[in-house]
């Protein structure tokens, strides 16, 4: 039986039909375009929660995309397999002429794409990739000598200096929607088939956030008010366009624009220094002797540390899959500095719970908190939870919402005393970073 000739656009972190780079280039090609999404078993099999809200969100988003494509007399191919086996199935089903996708910068994604590129090359099928999830990538913003930036401020200045309307221009995919492959609706994959079930955690919809963005500078640090856009979830899965949001940030808030630049800063750190995925950006910090007390870690995870601002953040995370950024800094600092628990334990817990989990941003944030990342601030920055509360949740609005038993006999006693914990932290860091330790650490 003769198979239809098609181009495949492989969706990953770009779950939209509007202003999407790979889709635009595919639709302007020679062959009708069939979109593909693969539920990757290599990723899904590692998830502990079978009600993982992110899987639910992807599933719902694909249903919406399927509906949009059906209105165009097209459909979406959905596979549930390892990428290589999924592609081998697809190659048997269609006469694939070209493949289009967008860049993914994480270590696993780079290995995956290399494997699929090799598979397609063995069949003489071109594999085209494009930049889509960021404004600048890889080597596009580097020092004058070609080396990557490792400090945010000079990176952001160079980023802004390079920005022009060209980089913010949307891809007019709608002009070419007639070039989708025409087919009857193709079968989907149910959550049950993947051994997942519905989550009770709802995803925030992408809202019109002009008012929030306009007031972002004044309100962003107060977890008790609605002062952040909560668009990080949608940036993570590509349901919104970074180009559109940068244009909006230019109009409304340089502070919010800086947050979008931070996102790309951490992306390029992961790209240029992939070892940060498993170790400290500053290797000397790998010598810190962490206490790693499992009972204290469990108390931190469950929001039972006896420090209300920390417990509020952890309970918000466990309940909603989201945590306010100020709370992320406070909780991460508390785990690494007060409890002397390896930042990688906290990073892994956030990776499990955060709806907007992104390896580069999560890793960068945790290393910032632990003092071992790119930040120029000295390691002896230890957040005082009481002072953070007085400054950012003075009326206890955030704490009261998530820790209702605060100031009652039912509230747990502090897991550690602040001054003692701070002194212990500074001693551990000083010992790990002493010249003698660094000299002999090579032989440990």
Protein backbone atom coordinates (compact mmCIF):
# COMPACT_ATOMS: atom_id res chain seq x y z
CA UNK A 1 0.00 0.00 0.00
CA UNK A 2 1.39 3.38 -1.01
CA UNK A 3 2.19 5.65 1.94
CA UNK A 4 1.55 9.40 1.88
CA UNK A 5 4.53 11.73 1.64
CA UNK A 6 4.59 14.11 4.60
CA UNK A 7 6.77 16.42 6.61
CA UNK A 8 6.70 15.92 10.37
CA UNK A 9 6.80 18.78 12.86
CA UNK A 10 7.83 17.29 16.19
CA UNK A 11 6.31 19.18 19.13
CA UNK A 12 8.10 19.15 22.50
CA UNK A 13 8.31 22.41 24.48
CA UNK A 14 6.25 24.35 21.92
CA UNK A 15 2.66 23.18 22.32
CA UNK A 16 0.92 25.78 20.17
CA UNK A 17 0.14 26.49 16.52
CA UNK A 18 0.63 30.25 16.77
CA UNK A 19 4.04 31.93 16.32
CA UNK A 20 5.97 28.67 16.34
CA UNK A 21 9.30 28.54 14.51
CA UNK A 22 9.55 24.89 13.45
CA UNK A 23 5.90 24.77 12.44
CA UNK A 24 6.29 27.91 10.35
CA UNK A 25 9.24 26.49 8.42
CA UNK A 26 7.53 23.14 7.98
CA UNK A 27 4.34 24.69 6.62
CA UNK A 28 6.34 26.66 4.07
CA UNK A 29 8.03 23.48 2.83
CA UNK A 30 7.24 21.19 -0.09
CA UNK A 31 5.13 18.58 1.68
CA UNK A 32 1.94 18.54 3.78
CA UNK A 33 2.72 18.83 7.47
CA UNK A 34 1.70 16.32 10.13
CA UNK A 35 2.33 17.34 13.77
CA UNK A 36 3.73 14.76 16.20
CA UNK A 37 3.99 14.52 19.97
CA UNK A 38 5.74 11.69 21.82
CA UNK A 39 4.93 10.85 25.44
CA UNK A 40 8.50 9.84 26.23
CA UNK A 41 8.72 6.68 28.35
CA UNK A 42 12.28 7.58 29.32
CA UNK A 43 10.85 10.62 31.11
CA UNK A 44 7.47 9.34 32.26
CA UNK A 45 8.87 6.17 33.83
CA UNK A 46 10.93 8.30 36.22
CA UNK A 47 7.94 10.22 37.59
CA UNK A 48 6.95 9.10 41.08
CA UNK A 49 3.44 10.55 41.10
CA UNK A 50 1.06 8.77 38.72
CA UNK A 51 -1.24 11.77 39.03
CA UNK A 52 1.54 14.15 37.93
CA UNK A 53 -0.19 17.41 37.02
CA UNK A 54 2.31 18.17 34.25
CA UNK A 55 1.35 15.00 32.38
CA UNK A 56 -2.28 16.01 32.84
CA UNK A 57 -1.55 19.47 31.48
CA UNK A 58 0.25 18.14 28.41
CA UNK A 59 -2.59 15.70 27.80
CA UNK A 60 -5.20 18.46 28.01
CA UNK A 61 -3.14 20.79 25.81
CA UNK A 62 -2.79 18.09 23.15
CA UNK A 63 -6.55 17.60 23.19
CA UNK A 64 -6.96 21.30 22.50
CA UNK A 65 -4.39 21.16 19.69
CA UNK A 66 -6.18 18.14 18.24
CA UNK A 67 -9.42 20.12 18.20
CA UNK A 68 -7.73 23.07 16.45
CA UNK A 69 -6.19 20.75 13.86
CA UNK A 70 -9.48 18.96 13.22
CA UNK A 71 -11.02 22.32 12.32
CA UNK A 72 -8.29 22.51 9.67
CA UNK A 73 -9.07 18.97 8.42
CA UNK A 74 -5.85 17.73 9.93
CA UNK A 75 -4.79 15.84 13.07
CA UNK A 76 -2.06 15.18 15.58
CA UNK A 77 -0.04 11.97 15.81
CA UNK A 78 0.54 10.97 19.43
CA UNK A 79 2.96 8.21 20.40
CA UNK A 80 3.68 6.68 23.79
CA UNK A 81 7.12 5.09 23.64
CA UNK A 82 10.81 5.84 23.78
CA UNK A 83 11.66 8.41 21.09
CA UNK A 84 13.62 5.96 18.94
CA UNK A 85 10.91 3.28 18.95
CA UNK A 86 8.23 5.90 18.33
CA UNK A 87 10.12 7.20 15.31
CA UNK A 88 10.65 3.69 13.97
CA UNK A 89 6.87 3.18 14.16
CA UNK A 90 6.27 6.48 12.40
CA UNK A 91 8.74 5.66 9.62
CA UNK A 92 6.81 2.47 8.97
CA UNK A 93 3.51 4.34 8.80
CA UNK A 94 4.38 7.33 6.60
CA UNK A 95 6.70 8.26 3.76
CA UNK A 96 8.51 10.97 5.73
CA UNK A 97 10.37 13.47 3.58
CA UNK A 98 11.51 16.05 6.14
CA UNK A 99 11.42 16.55 9.90
CA UNK A 100 11.20 19.92 11.66
CA UNK A 101 11.54 20.64 15.36
CA UNK A 102 12.72 23.33 17.78
CA UNK A 103 15.90 23.30 19.82
CA UNK A 104 15.91 21.82 23.30
CA UNK A 105 18.98 22.58 25.39
CA UNK A 106 18.92 20.11 28.26
CA UNK A 107 21.50 17.28 28.34
CA UNK A 108 18.94 14.49 27.88
CA UNK A 109 17.25 16.35 25.03
CA UNK A 110 20.56 16.89 23.24
CA UNK A 111 21.35 13.17 23.42
CA UNK A 112 17.81 12.28 22.30
CA UNK A 113 17.94 14.59 19.30
CA UNK A 114 21.34 13.27 18.29
CA UNK A 115 19.97 9.72 18.34
CA UNK A 116 16.92 10.64 16.24
CA UNK A 117 19.03 12.69 13.84
CA UNK A 118 21.23 9.65 13.27
CA UNK A 119 18.20 7.43 12.72
CA UNK A 120 16.72 9.82 10.17
CA UNK A 121 20.07 10.34 8.46
CA UNK A 122 20.29 6.57 7.92
CA UNK A 123 17.08 6.95 5.89
CA UNK A 124 18.36 10.13 4.16
CA UNK A 125 15.68 12.24 5.84
CA UNK A 126 16.71 15.83 6.73
CA UNK A 127 16.28 16.89 10.36
CA UNK A 128 15.85 20.68 10.65
CA UNK A 129 15.91 22.41 14.04
CA UNK A 130 15.16 26.00 14.99
CA UNK A 131 15.31 28.44 17.89
CA UNK A 132 11.90 29.05 19.45
CA UNK A 133 11.74 28.98 23.27
CA UNK A 134 14.10 31.91 23.80
CA UNK A 135 15.17 35.15 22.15
CA UNK A 136 18.91 34.41 22.28
CA UNK A 137 20.52 30.98 22.60
CA UNK A 138 23.87 29.22 22.81
CA UNK A 139 26.59 31.61 21.54
CA UNK A 140 24.33 34.49 20.53
CA UNK A 141 25.11 36.56 23.63
CA UNK A 142 28.74 36.12 24.65
CA UNK A 143 31.65 38.30 25.74
CA UNK A 144 33.72 40.16 23.18
CA UNK A 145 36.30 37.37 23.36
CA UNK A 146 33.66 34.77 22.52
CA UNK A 147 33.51 33.25 26.01
CA UNK A 148 30.15 32.77 27.76
CA UNK A 149 28.98 35.16 30.43
CA UNK A 150 28.88 33.75 33.94
CA UNK A 151 27.53 36.87 35.68
CA UNK A 152 23.98 38.03 35.02
CA UNK A 153 24.33 41.83 34.91
CA UNK A 154 26.82 42.08 32.02
CA UNK A 155 24.94 39.30 30.22
CA UNK A 156 21.67 41.21 30.53
CA UNK A 157 23.26 44.44 29.28
CA UNK A 158 24.63 42.66 26.20
CA UNK A 159 21.28 40.90 25.71
CA UNK A 160 19.39 44.21 25.73
CA UNK A 161 21.93 45.88 23.46
CA UNK A 162 21.51 43.12 20.88
CA UNK A 163 17.72 43.07 21.04
CA UNK A 164 16.00 44.48 17.95
CA UNK A 165 12.56 44.11 16.32
CA UNK A 166 13.99 41.31 14.17
CA UNK A 167 14.38 39.01 17.18
CA UNK A 168 10.88 39.74 18.48
CA UNK A 169 9.03 39.26 15.21
CA UNK A 170 6.33 36.58 15.34
CA UNK A 171 6.20 33.70 12.87
CA UNK A 172 2.95 34.08 10.85
CA UNK A 173 2.05 30.40 10.88
CA UNK A 174 -1.65 31.09 10.24
CA UNK A 175 -0.90 32.19 6.68
CA UNK A 176 0.09 28.62 5.82
CA UNK A 177 -2.46 26.55 7.74
CA UNK A 178 -3.78 25.16 4.44
CA UNK A 179 -0.54 23.18 4.18
CA UNK A 180 -1.35 20.87 7.07
CA UNK A 181 -1.72 17.21 6.07
CA UNK A 182 -5.40 16.46 5.51
CA UNK A 183 -6.55 13.38 7.34
CA UNK A 184 -9.35 12.10 9.51
CA UNK A 185 -8.79 12.47 13.28
CA UNK A 186 -6.07 10.14 14.47
CA UNK A 187 -6.38 8.20 17.76
CA UNK A 188 -5.01 9.76 20.90
CA UNK A 189 -3.51 8.24 24.04
CA UNK A 190 -5.47 8.19 27.28
CA UNK A 191 -3.92 8.85 30.68
CA UNK A 192 -4.95 5.34 31.69
CA UNK A 193 -2.98 3.81 28.79
CA UNK A 194 0.12 5.50 30.20
CA UNK A 195 -0.68 4.37 33.75
CA UNK A 196 -1.52 7.92 34.84
CA UNK A 197 -4.72 9.34 36.28
CA UNK A 198 -6.27 12.76 36.67
CA UNK A 199 -4.62 15.26 38.96
CA UNK A 200 -6.43 17.42 41.50
CA UNK A 201 -4.00 20.28 40.87
CA UNK A 202 -5.33 22.76 38.29
CA UNK A 203 -3.07 24.65 35.91
CA UNK A 204 -3.44 28.43 35.81
CA UNK A 205 -4.70 29.51 32.37
CA UNK A 206 -2.57 31.97 30.37
CA UNK A 207 -4.28 35.22 31.30
CA UNK A 208 -4.12 38.80 30.15
CA UNK A 209 -1.60 40.04 32.70
CA UNK A 210 -0.88 43.61 31.64
CA UNK A 211 -1.87 45.05 35.02
CA UNK A 212 0.28 42.56 36.93
CA UNK A 213 3.27 43.12 34.66
CA UNK A 214 2.90 46.90 34.91
CA UNK A 215 3.03 46.71 38.73
CA UNK A 216 5.50 43.83 38.83
CA UNK A 217 8.43 45.80 40.22
CA UNK A 218 6.43 47.00 43.24
CA UNK A 219 4.55 43.79 44.02
CA UNK A 220 6.67 40.83 42.91
CA UNK A 221 8.38 40.20 46.26
CA UNK A 222 5.22 39.86 48.36
CA UNK A 223 3.86 36.30 48.30
CA UNK A 224 0.62 37.32 49.98
CA UNK A 225 -0.56 39.41 47.00
CA UNK A 226 -1.20 38.57 43.35
CA UNK A 227 1.93 40.23 42.06
CA UNK A 228 3.37 37.71 39.60
CA UNK A 229 2.09 36.58 36.21
CA UNK A 230 2.31 32.79 36.82
CA UNK A 231 3.20 32.44 33.14
CA UNK A 232 6.29 30.31 33.90
CA UNK A 233 4.18 27.17 33.45
CA UNK A 234 3.22 28.27 29.96
CA UNK A 235 6.76 29.28 29.03
CA UNK A 236 7.87 25.82 30.16
CA UNK A 237 5.50 23.99 27.83
CA UNK A 238 5.47 26.57 25.06
CA UNK A 239 1.77 27.33 25.12
CA UNK A 240 2.71 31.02 24.80
CA UNK A 241 5.28 32.82 22.65
CA UNK A 242 8.41 34.31 24.23
CA UNK A 243 8.55 36.87 21.41
CA UNK A 244 5.10 38.25 22.21
CA UNK A 245 5.86 38.45 25.92
CA UNK A 246 9.18 40.24 25.41
CA UNK A 247 7.38 42.84 23.33
CA UNK A 248 4.87 43.27 26.15
CA UNK A 249 7.65 43.47 28.77
CA UNK A 250 9.36 46.23 26.78
CA UNK A 251 6.16 48.25 26.93
CA UNK A 252 5.23 47.62 30.55
CA UNK A 253 8.09 46.58 32.84
CA UNK A 254 11.85 46.35 32.56
CA UNK A 255 11.86 44.41 35.84
CA UNK A 256 9.67 41.70 34.27
CA UNK A 257 11.86 41.77 31.17
CA UNK A 258 14.85 41.08 33.43
CA UNK A 259 13.09 37.96 34.71
CA UNK A 260 12.74 36.72 31.13
CA UNK A 261 16.44 37.43 30.63
CA UNK A 262 17.28 35.46 33.80
CA UNK A 263 15.49 32.52 32.20
CA UNK A 264 17.75 32.70 29.16
CA UNK A 265 20.85 33.34 31.26
CA UNK A 266 20.35 30.04 33.06
CA UNK A 267 19.64 28.30 29.73
CA UNK A 268 22.99 29.38 28.35
CA UNK A 269 24.76 28.44 31.58
CA UNK A 270 23.39 24.90 31.24
CA UNK A 271 24.35 24.85 27.56
CA UNK A 272 27.95 25.99 28.09
CA UNK A 273 28.51 24.25 31.43
CA UNK A 274 26.42 21.04 31.32
CA UNK A 275 28.20 19.70 34.40
CA UNK A 276 26.00 21.99 36.54
CA UNK A 277 23.17 19.50 36.06
CA UNK A 278 24.87 17.24 38.62
CA UNK A 279 27.48 19.38 40.40
CA UNK A 280 28.30 22.85 41.61
CA UNK A 281 29.07 25.57 39.07
CA UNK A 282 31.96 26.50 41.39
CA UNK A 283 33.63 23.07 41.82
CA UNK A 284 35.18 23.95 45.19
CA UNK A 285 31.69 23.86 46.68
CA UNK A 286 31.48 20.15 45.93
CA UNK A 287 33.63 19.70 49.07
CA UNK A 288 30.97 20.95 51.48
CA UNK A 289 30.20 18.32 54.11
CA UNK A 290 26.41 18.27 54.10
CA UNK A 291 24.58 16.93 57.15
CA UNK A 292 21.77 15.44 55.03
CA UNK A 293 19.55 14.55 57.99
CA UNK A 294 16.60 12.63 56.46
CA UNK A 295 14.15 13.50 59.26
CA UNK A 296 14.87 17.21 58.92
CA UNK A 297 14.55 16.94 55.15
CA UNK A 298 11.14 15.34 55.57
CA UNK A 299 10.05 18.14 57.88
CA UNK A 300 11.18 20.66 55.28
CA UNK A 301 9.34 18.80 52.49
CA UNK A 302 6.12 18.69 54.53
CA UNK A 303 6.23 22.32 55.68
CA UNK A 304 6.83 21.38 59.33
CA UNK A 305 10.08 23.23 60.12
CA UNK A 306 8.59 25.58 62.72
CA UNK A 307 9.58 28.57 60.59
CA UNK A 308 6.23 29.84 59.25
CA UNK A 309 7.46 31.59 56.10
CA UNK A 310 9.36 28.42 55.11
CA UNK A 311 6.42 26.15 55.92
CA UNK A 312 4.01 28.39 54.00
CA UNK A 313 6.15 28.11 50.89
CA UNK A 314 6.44 24.34 51.09
CA UNK A 315 2.73 23.85 51.72
CA UNK A 316 1.88 26.12 48.79
CA UNK A 317 4.14 23.98 46.60
CA UNK A 318 2.72 20.67 47.81
CA UNK A 319 -0.88 21.85 47.41
CA UNK A 320 -0.74 23.81 44.15
CA UNK A 321 2.45 22.84 42.32
CA UNK A 322 3.50 26.48 42.45
CA UNK A 323 5.61 28.50 44.86
CA UNK A 324 6.11 32.26 44.89
CA UNK A 325 9.65 33.19 43.84
CA UNK A 326 10.48 34.97 47.10
CA UNK A 327 9.37 31.85 48.97
CA UNK A 328 11.52 29.70 46.66
CA UNK A 329 14.58 31.69 47.71
CA UNK A 330 13.71 31.50 51.41
CA UNK A 331 12.93 27.78 51.45
CA UNK A 332 16.00 26.91 49.40
CA UNK A 333 18.26 29.01 51.61
CA UNK A 334 16.78 27.38 54.72
CA UNK A 335 17.40 23.85 53.45
CA UNK A 336 20.98 24.46 52.35
CA UNK A 337 22.15 26.93 54.98
CA UNK A 338 20.08 26.27 58.11
CA UNK A 339 19.83 22.50 57.74
CA UNK A 340 23.03 21.96 55.73
CA UNK A 341 21.24 19.58 53.36
CA UNK A 342 22.67 19.14 49.88
CA UNK A 343 21.06 21.56 47.42
CA UNK A 344 20.56 18.64 45.01
CA UNK A 345 18.06 17.09 47.43
CA UNK A 346 15.98 20.25 47.31
CA UNK A 347 16.44 20.62 43.57
CA UNK A 348 15.12 17.10 43.03
CA UNK A 349 12.11 17.75 45.29
CA UNK A 350 11.23 20.92 43.40
CA UNK A 351 11.67 19.03 40.12
CA UNK A 352 9.12 16.51 41.33
CA UNK A 353 6.57 19.08 42.53
CA UNK A 354 6.83 22.26 40.42
CA UNK A 355 4.41 22.58 37.54
CA UNK A 356 6.82 25.00 35.88
CA UNK A 357 9.87 22.80 36.47
CA UNK A 358 12.63 23.74 34.08
CA UNK A 359 16.04 22.16 34.59
CA UNK A 360 18.13 25.26 33.86
CA UNK A 361 16.07 27.66 35.99
CA UNK A 362 15.57 25.21 38.86
CA UNK A 363 19.24 24.31 38.91
CA UNK A 364 20.31 27.94 38.67
CA UNK A 365 18.00 28.98 41.49
CA UNK A 366 19.15 26.22 43.81
CA UNK A 367 22.83 26.88 43.17
CA UNK A 368 22.18 30.59 43.78
CA UNK A 369 20.61 29.74 47.14
CA UNK A 370 23.43 27.38 48.09
CA UNK A 371 26.07 29.94 47.06
CA UNK A 372 27.74 27.53 44.63
CA UNK A 373 26.31 28.97 41.39
CA UNK A 374 27.07 31.92 39.16
CA UNK A 375 26.00 34.62 41.61
CA UNK A 376 28.80 36.93 42.75
CA UNK A 377 27.41 37.32 46.28
CA UNK A 378 29.54 35.63 48.98
CA UNK A 379 28.54 32.27 50.41
CA UNK A 380 27.84 33.76 53.85
CA UNK A 381 24.52 35.23 52.66
CA UNK A 382 22.09 33.34 54.91
CA UNK A 383 18.47 34.46 54.80
CA UNK A 384 16.99 35.12 58.22
CA UNK A 385 13.39 33.78 57.97
CA UNK A 386 12.12 36.23 60.60
CA UNK A 387 13.57 39.24 58.79
CA UNK A 388 12.29 37.95 55.45
CA UNK A 389 8.83 37.65 57.02
CA UNK A 390 8.94 41.19 58.43
CA UNK A 391 9.99 42.56 55.07
CA UNK A 392 7.81 40.60 52.66
CA UNK A 393 4.86 39.20 54.67
CA UNK A 394 4.56 41.69 57.51
CA UNK A 395 0.82 41.22 57.95
CA UNK A 396 1.25 37.40 57.73
CA UNK A 397 -1.28 37.17 54.91
CA UNK A 398 0.73 34.46 53.16
CA UNK A 399 1.55 32.62 56.37
CA UNK A 400 -2.06 32.66 57.61
CA UNK A 401 -3.26 31.18 54.33
CA UNK A 402 -0.91 28.21 54.38
CA UNK A 403 -0.07 27.78 58.09
CA UNK A 404 -3.41 28.38 59.86
CA UNK A 405 -2.13 26.82 63.10
CA UNK A 406 0.66 29.43 63.36
CA UNK A 407 0.69 31.13 66.79
CA UNK A 408 -1.29 28.28 68.35
CA UNK A 409 -0.07 25.40 70.55
CA UNK A 410 -0.60 23.08 67.57
CA UNK A 411 2.26 24.62 65.57
CA UNK A 412 5.52 22.64 65.58
CA UNK A 413 8.63 23.84 67.38
CA UNK A 414 11.52 25.12 65.21
CA UNK A 415 13.64 22.32 63.81
CA UNK A 416 16.77 24.38 64.45
CA UNK A 417 17.75 27.65 66.14
CA UNK A 418 18.66 30.40 63.65
CA UNK A 419 21.88 31.77 65.15
CA UNK A 420 23.33 28.34 65.81
CA UNK A 421 22.40 27.18 62.31
CA UNK A 422 23.99 30.22 60.72
CA UNK A 423 27.25 29.73 62.64
CA UNK A 424 27.28 26.03 61.75
CA UNK A 425 26.73 26.85 58.09
CA UNK A 426 29.53 29.41 57.93
CA UNK A 427 31.93 26.98 59.61
CA UNK A 428 31.07 24.20 57.14
CA UNK A 429 31.45 26.48 54.14
CA UNK A 430 34.67 28.05 55.42
CA UNK A 431 36.18 24.61 56.00
CA UNK A 432 35.17 23.37 52.54
CA UNK A 433 36.53 26.45 50.80
CA UNK A 434 39.76 26.84 52.75
CA UNK A 435 42.96 26.79 50.64
CA UNK A 436 44.20 23.66 52.39
CA UNK A 437 40.95 21.80 51.73
CA UNK A 438 40.96 22.79 48.08
CA UNK A 439 44.56 21.67 47.72
CA UNK A 440 44.04 18.22 49.18
CA UNK A 441 40.43 17.86 48.02
CA UNK A 442 41.69 16.48 44.73
CA UNK A 443 42.79 13.34 46.57
CA UNK A 444 39.64 12.78 48.61
